[in-house]
Amino acid sequence: MVFPLLRKEQPMSDYCAFSKDHTCFNWIDYQLTRQELEEATDLCHGNWIEIEHLRDYIEVLQAILKEHGIEIPPE
């Protein structure tokens, strides 16, 4: 006997037959988590751009220091 996978055929929706107002709490959690992940991705991307800019700036400053014979202090 083969049992069909109902989950594969029916994607997650916001309807719940077991709730008084038919609101699916798993759907609400999914939506909130997805929104938080999108915000985190945007923040990480912005931070990475700033880090790359600062690294380039440091490299330029170190090159100027070396050019003038000034020792670069340790980190």
N, C-alpha and C. Protein backbone atom coordinates (compact mmCIF):
# COMPACT_ATOMS: atom_id res chain seq x y z
N MET A 1 0.84 -1.18 0.00
CA MET A 1 0.00 0.00 0.00
C MET A 1 0.89 1.25 0.00
N VAL A 2 0.62 2.19 -0.88
CA VAL A 2 1.40 3.42 -0.99
C VAL A 2 0.59 4.57 -0.42
N PHE A 3 1.21 5.35 0.48
CA PHE A 3 0.54 6.51 1.06
C PHE A 3 1.06 7.77 0.39
N PRO A 4 0.19 8.57 -0.19
CA PRO A 4 0.65 9.82 -0.81
C PRO A 4 1.09 10.82 0.24
N LEU A 5 2.08 11.62 -0.09
CA LEU A 5 2.54 12.66 0.82
C LEU A 5 1.66 13.89 0.64
N LEU A 6 0.81 14.14 1.60
CA LEU A 6 -0.12 15.26 1.50
C LEU A 6 0.59 16.60 1.58
N ARG A 7 1.65 16.68 2.36
CA ARG A 7 2.37 17.94 2.52
C ARG A 7 2.95 18.42 1.21
N LYS A 8 3.43 17.53 0.39
CA LYS A 8 4.03 17.91 -0.88
C LYS A 8 3.00 18.51 -1.82
N GLU A 9 1.79 17.99 -1.76
CA GLU A 9 0.74 18.43 -2.66
C GLU A 9 0.04 19.69 -2.15
N GLN A 10 0.06 19.92 -0.85
CA GLN A 10 -0.62 21.07 -0.27
C GLN A 10 0.39 21.96 0.44
N PRO A 11 0.81 23.04 -0.21
CA PRO A 11 1.79 23.92 0.43
C PRO A 11 1.19 24.64 1.64
N MET A 12 2.04 25.17 2.48
CA MET A 12 1.60 25.86 3.68
C MET A 12 0.71 27.04 3.30
N SER A 13 -0.39 27.21 4.02
CA SER A 13 -1.28 28.35 3.78
C SER A 13 -1.61 28.99 5.12
N ASP A 14 -2.35 30.09 5.07
CA ASP A 14 -2.68 30.79 6.30
C ASP A 14 -4.03 30.36 6.89
N TYR A 15 -4.60 29.28 6.39
CA TYR A 15 -5.88 28.79 6.88
C TYR A 15 -5.68 27.60 7.82
N CYS A 16 -6.41 27.63 8.93
CA CYS A 16 -6.35 26.53 9.89
C CYS A 16 -7.77 26.17 10.31
N ALA A 17 -8.16 24.94 10.08
CA ALA A 17 -9.52 24.50 10.40
C ALA A 17 -9.72 24.30 11.90
N PHE A 18 -8.64 24.23 12.66
CA PHE A 18 -8.74 23.91 14.08
C PHE A 18 -8.77 25.14 14.98
N SER A 19 -8.61 26.31 14.42
CA SER A 19 -8.59 27.54 15.19
C SER A 19 -9.95 28.24 15.06
N LYS A 20 -10.36 28.94 16.12
CA LYS A 20 -11.67 29.60 16.11
C LYS A 20 -11.78 30.63 14.99
N ASP A 21 -10.72 31.42 14.80
CA ASP A 21 -10.75 32.43 13.73
C ASP A 21 -10.02 31.97 12.46
N HIS A 22 -9.70 30.68 12.41
CA HIS A 22 -9.06 30.04 11.24
C HIS A 22 -7.67 30.63 10.93
N THR A 23 -7.00 31.11 11.95
CA THR A 23 -5.65 31.66 11.77
C THR A 23 -4.63 30.57 12.08
N CYS A 24 -3.71 30.38 11.19
CA CYS A 24 -2.68 29.37 11.38
C CYS A 24 -1.46 30.02 12.04
N PHE A 25 -1.14 29.61 13.25
CA PHE A 25 -0.03 30.21 13.98
C PHE A 25 1.31 29.85 13.35
N ASN A 26 1.40 28.67 12.75
CA ASN A 26 2.63 28.30 12.04
C ASN A 26 2.86 29.25 10.87
N TRP A 27 1.80 29.65 10.18
CA TRP A 27 1.92 30.56 9.05
C TRP A 27 2.39 31.93 9.54
N ILE A 28 1.84 32.39 10.65
CA ILE A 28 2.26 33.68 11.21
C ILE A 28 3.73 33.62 11.59
N ASP A 29 4.16 32.54 12.25
CA ASP A 29 5.58 32.38 12.60
C ASP A 29 6.45 32.36 11.36
N TYR A 30 5.98 31.67 10.33
CA TYR A 30 6.74 31.60 9.08
C TYR A 30 6.90 32.98 8.47
N GLN A 31 5.83 33.75 8.42
CA GLN A 31 5.88 35.09 7.83
C GLN A 31 6.84 35.99 8.62
N LEU A 32 6.75 35.95 9.95
CA LEU A 32 7.62 36.77 10.78
C LEU A 32 9.09 36.38 10.62
N THR A 33 9.35 35.08 10.60
CA THR A 33 10.72 34.60 10.45
C THR A 33 11.28 35.00 9.09
N ARG A 34 10.47 34.88 8.05
CA ARG A 34 10.92 35.25 6.70
C ARG A 34 11.25 36.74 6.64
N GLN A 35 10.41 37.58 7.26
CA GLN A 35 10.66 39.01 7.26
C GLN A 35 11.94 39.34 8.04
N GLU A 36 12.14 38.70 9.17
CA GLU A 36 13.35 38.93 9.96
C GLU A 36 14.60 38.51 9.20
N LEU A 37 14.53 37.40 8.48
CA LEU A 37 15.67 36.95 7.68
C LEU A 37 15.98 37.93 6.55
N GLU A 38 14.95 38.49 5.93
CA GLU A 38 15.18 39.49 4.87
C GLU A 38 15.86 40.72 5.44
N GLU A 39 15.42 41.18 6.62
CA GLU A 39 16.04 42.34 7.26
C GLU A 39 17.49 42.05 7.64
N ALA A 40 17.74 40.86 8.17
CA ALA A 40 19.10 40.48 8.55
C ALA A 40 20.00 40.42 7.32
N THR A 41 19.48 39.91 6.22
CA THR A 41 20.27 39.84 4.99
C THR A 41 20.64 41.24 4.51
N ASP A 42 19.68 42.17 4.55
CA ASP A 42 19.95 43.55 4.14
C ASP A 42 21.01 44.18 5.04
N LEU A 43 20.89 43.97 6.35
CA LEU A 43 21.86 44.55 7.28
C LEU A 43 23.25 43.97 7.07
N CYS A 44 23.33 42.66 6.88
CA CYS A 44 24.64 42.02 6.67
C CYS A 44 25.29 42.53 5.39
N HIS A 45 24.49 42.68 4.35
CA HIS A 45 25.04 43.17 3.08
C HIS A 45 25.57 44.59 3.24
N GLY A 46 24.81 45.44 3.92
CA GLY A 46 25.25 46.81 4.17
C GLY A 46 26.52 46.85 5.01
N ASN A 47 26.58 45.99 6.02
CA ASN A 47 27.78 45.94 6.87
C ASN A 47 28.99 45.48 6.08
N TRP A 48 28.79 44.49 5.20
CA TRP A 48 29.92 43.98 4.42
C TRP A 48 30.45 45.05 3.48
N ILE A 49 29.57 45.84 2.87
CA ILE A 49 30.01 46.93 1.99
C ILE A 49 30.84 47.94 2.79
N GLU A 50 30.39 48.27 3.99
CA GLU A 50 31.13 49.21 4.83
C GLU A 50 32.49 48.64 5.24
N ILE A 51 32.54 47.35 5.57
CA ILE A 51 33.81 46.71 5.95
C ILE A 51 34.79 46.74 4.78
N GLU A 52 34.32 46.43 3.56
CA GLU A 52 35.20 46.47 2.39
C GLU A 52 35.73 47.88 2.15
N HIS A 53 34.87 48.88 2.31
CA HIS A 53 35.30 50.27 2.14
C HIS A 53 36.38 50.63 3.16
N LEU A 54 36.17 50.25 4.40
CA LEU A 54 37.15 50.57 5.46
C LEU A 54 38.47 49.83 5.24
N ARG A 55 38.42 48.60 4.75
CA ARG A 55 39.66 47.86 4.48
C ARG A 55 40.45 48.53 3.36
N ASP A 56 39.74 48.97 2.31
CA ASP A 56 40.41 49.70 1.23
C ASP A 56 41.06 50.98 1.76
N TYR A 57 40.35 51.68 2.62
CA TYR A 57 40.85 52.92 3.21
C TYR A 57 42.10 52.66 4.04
N ILE A 58 42.08 51.59 4.82
CA ILE A 58 43.24 51.23 5.64
C ILE A 58 44.44 50.90 4.75
N GLU A 59 44.20 50.16 3.67
CA GLU A 59 45.30 49.81 2.76
C GLU A 59 45.93 51.06 2.16
N VAL A 60 45.12 52.04 1.80
CA VAL A 60 45.65 53.29 1.24
C VAL A 60 46.48 54.02 2.29
N LEU A 61 45.97 54.10 3.50
CA LEU A 61 46.71 54.78 4.58
C LEU A 61 48.02 54.06 4.90
N GLN A 62 48.00 52.72 4.91
CA GLN A 62 49.23 51.97 5.17
C GLN A 62 50.24 52.19 4.05
N ALA A 63 49.79 52.26 2.82
CA ALA A 63 50.70 52.52 1.71
C ALA A 63 51.34 53.89 1.84
N ILE A 64 50.58 54.88 2.26
CA ILE A 64 51.12 56.24 2.45
C ILE A 64 52.15 56.23 3.57
N LEU A 65 51.86 55.53 4.66
CA LEU A 65 52.81 55.46 5.77
C LEU A 65 54.11 54.80 5.33
N LYS A 66 54.01 53.68 4.61
CA LYS A 66 55.21 52.98 4.13
C LYS A 66 56.00 53.85 3.17
N GLU A 67 55.29 54.57 2.33
CA GLU A 67 55.91 55.44 1.35
C GLU A 67 56.77 56.51 2.02
N HIS A 68 56.36 56.98 3.19
CA HIS A 68 57.08 58.02 3.91
C HIS A 68 58.00 57.44 4.99
N GLY A 69 58.15 56.13 4.99
CA GLY A 69 59.08 55.49 5.93
C GLY A 69 58.59 55.44 7.36
N ILE A 70 57.32 55.54 7.54
CA ILE A 70 56.75 55.50 8.89
C ILE A 70 56.31 54.07 9.19
N GLU A 71 56.72 53.58 10.35
CA GLU A 71 56.40 52.21 10.74
C GLU A 71 54.91 52.10 11.08
N ILE A 72 54.30 51.03 10.61
CA ILE A 72 52.89 50.81 10.90
C ILE A 72 52.79 50.15 12.28
N PRO A 73 51.99 50.75 13.17
CA PRO A 73 51.88 50.19 14.51
C PRO A 73 51.15 48.83 14.47
N PRO A 74 51.50 47.92 15.41
CA PRO A 74 50.81 46.64 15.45
C PRO A 74 49.34 46.82 15.84
N GLU A 75 48.55 45.85 15.49
CA GLU A 75 47.12 45.92 15.80
C GLU A 75 46.86 45.72 17.28
